[in-house]
Amino acid sequence: MGDQQDRDRSVWVDSDEQRIVVHIAGEMDLDRAPMLHAALRTAITQPGSQSEIVVDLAGLSFCDSAGLNALLQARHTAGEHGRHISLRAPRPQFLRLLELTGADSLFPITGT
């Protein structure tokens, strides 16, 4: 996982013994949100995988309600599977989106 071809896309996944990291780059909007949703769902529902899922937002330049909805759905699915999602390195625009929607209290945030 995580080779250069994957890194050229908007969403790619890396993992180690401790966590799964879902990286998001560029704009996360209505067109790209299904890709994020699919990557998160796979990471969460994979049998025997790590319980900690980190969504790395360092490369995210824009996120609309469709991208946020994919994260909220993933949080719910993670809870059903005994897994936890945290957000890493969100940019100010995304933090503002979380604050405006009240979703800032739903996710642990690291690397701000």
Protein backbone atom coordinates (compact mmCIF):
# COMPACT_ATOMS: atom_id res chain seq x y z
CA MET A 1 0.00 0.00 0.00
CA GLY A 2 1.01 3.62 -0.48
CA ASP A 3 3.17 3.45 -3.61
CA GLN A 4 3.80 6.50 -5.81
CA GLN A 5 0.86 5.78 -8.10
CA ASP A 6 -1.47 5.87 -5.08
CA ARG A 7 0.07 9.15 -3.89
CA ASP A 8 -0.90 10.84 -7.16
CA ARG A 9 -4.54 10.35 -6.24
CA SER A 10 -6.69 12.28 -3.78
CA VAL A 11 -6.92 9.43 -1.25
CA TRP A 12 -4.40 6.74 -0.35
CA VAL A 13 -3.85 4.42 2.60
CA ASP A 14 -0.74 3.39 4.56
CA SER A 15 -0.55 1.17 7.60
CA ASP A 16 1.84 -0.13 10.22
CA GLU A 17 1.49 -2.34 13.29
CA GLN A 18 -0.23 0.41 15.25
CA ARG A 19 -2.56 2.25 12.90
CA ILE A 20 -4.06 2.71 9.48
CA VAL A 21 -3.50 6.16 7.97
CA VAL A 22 -5.89 7.44 5.31
CA HIS A 23 -4.30 10.41 3.52
CA ILE A 24 -6.44 13.02 1.79
CA ALA A 25 -5.02 15.53 -0.68
CA GLY A 26 -6.46 18.31 -2.80
CA GLU A 27 -10.16 19.09 -2.73
CA MET A 28 -12.70 16.81 -1.09
CA ASP A 29 -16.02 17.62 -2.67
CA LEU A 30 -19.09 15.86 -4.05
CA ASP A 31 -17.09 14.27 -6.88
CA ARG A 32 -14.31 12.88 -4.66
CA ALA A 33 -16.21 12.09 -1.44
CA PRO A 34 -17.23 8.60 -2.65
CA MET A 35 -13.53 7.72 -3.01
CA LEU A 36 -12.90 8.84 0.58
CA HIS A 37 -15.95 6.97 1.82
CA ALA A 38 -14.81 3.76 0.12
CA ALA A 39 -11.24 4.02 1.46
CA LEU A 40 -12.44 4.66 5.00
CA ARG A 41 -15.01 1.89 4.89
CA THR A 42 -12.38 -0.60 3.69
CA ALA A 43 -9.93 0.51 6.38
CA ILE A 44 -12.58 0.22 9.09
CA THR A 45 -14.19 -3.05 8.10
CA GLN A 46 -11.07 -5.04 7.18
CA PRO A 47 -11.04 -8.07 9.49
CA GLY A 48 -8.05 -8.21 11.80
CA SER A 49 -6.79 -4.72 11.01
CA GLN A 50 -5.67 -2.07 13.47
CA SER A 51 -8.22 -0.41 15.73
CA GLU A 52 -6.80 3.08 15.27
CA ILE A 53 -7.54 4.90 12.03
CA VAL A 54 -5.89 8.27 11.43
CA VAL A 55 -7.20 10.56 8.71
CA ASP A 56 -4.25 12.71 7.61
CA LEU A 57 -5.60 16.04 6.39
CA ALA A 58 -2.27 17.83 5.85
CA GLY A 59 -2.72 17.80 2.06
CA LEU A 60 -6.42 18.72 2.08
CA SER A 61 -6.93 22.14 0.52
CA PHE A 62 -10.75 22.23 0.56
CA CYS A 63 -13.58 20.17 2.00
CA ASP A 64 -17.30 20.66 1.55
CA SER A 65 -20.26 18.99 3.25
CA ALA A 66 -19.91 15.83 1.12
CA GLY A 67 -16.38 15.25 2.42
CA LEU A 68 -17.45 15.98 5.98
CA ASN A 69 -20.38 13.59 5.60
CA ALA A 70 -17.98 10.81 4.49
CA LEU A 71 -15.95 11.38 7.68
CA LEU A 72 -19.06 11.40 9.87
CA GLN A 73 -20.31 8.16 8.30
CA ALA A 74 -16.87 6.63 8.85
CA ARG A 75 -16.95 7.64 12.50
CA HIS A 76 -20.27 5.87 12.93
CA THR A 77 -19.05 2.75 11.10
CA ALA A 78 -15.83 2.74 13.15
CA GLY A 79 -17.85 2.78 16.36
CA GLU A 80 -19.86 -0.21 15.16
CA HIS A 81 -16.61 -2.12 14.52
CA GLY A 82 -14.84 -1.15 17.75
CA ARG A 83 -12.41 1.14 15.95
CA HIS A 84 -11.48 4.78 16.53
CA ILE A 85 -10.91 7.62 14.07
CA SER A 86 -8.77 10.68 14.69
CA LEU A 87 -7.95 13.60 12.41
CA ARG A 88 -4.36 14.71 11.91
CA ALA A 89 -3.06 18.12 10.78
CA PRO A 90 -6.27 19.77 9.58
CA ARG A 91 -5.92 23.17 7.95
CA PRO A 92 -7.83 26.24 9.21
CA GLN A 93 -10.59 25.95 6.57
CA PHE A 94 -11.39 22.41 7.67
CA LEU A 95 -11.24 23.31 11.36
CA ARG A 96 -13.71 26.11 10.66
CA LEU A 97 -16.03 23.65 8.89
CA LEU A 98 -15.88 21.36 11.92
CA GLU A 99 -16.63 24.27 14.27
CA LEU A 100 -19.53 25.60 12.19
CA THR A 101 -21.18 22.19 12.03
CA GLY A 102 -20.48 21.22 15.64
CA ALA A 103 -18.45 18.21 14.46
CA ASP A 104 -15.29 19.49 16.17
CA SER A 105 -16.25 17.66 19.36
CA LEU A 106 -16.74 14.34 17.54
CA PHE A 107 -13.16 13.71 16.45
CA PRO A 108 -9.87 13.72 18.35
CA ILE A 109 -7.56 16.11 16.48
CA THR A 110 -3.76 15.89 16.50
CA GLY A 111 -1.03 17.92 14.87
CA THR A 112 -2.91 21.18 14.64
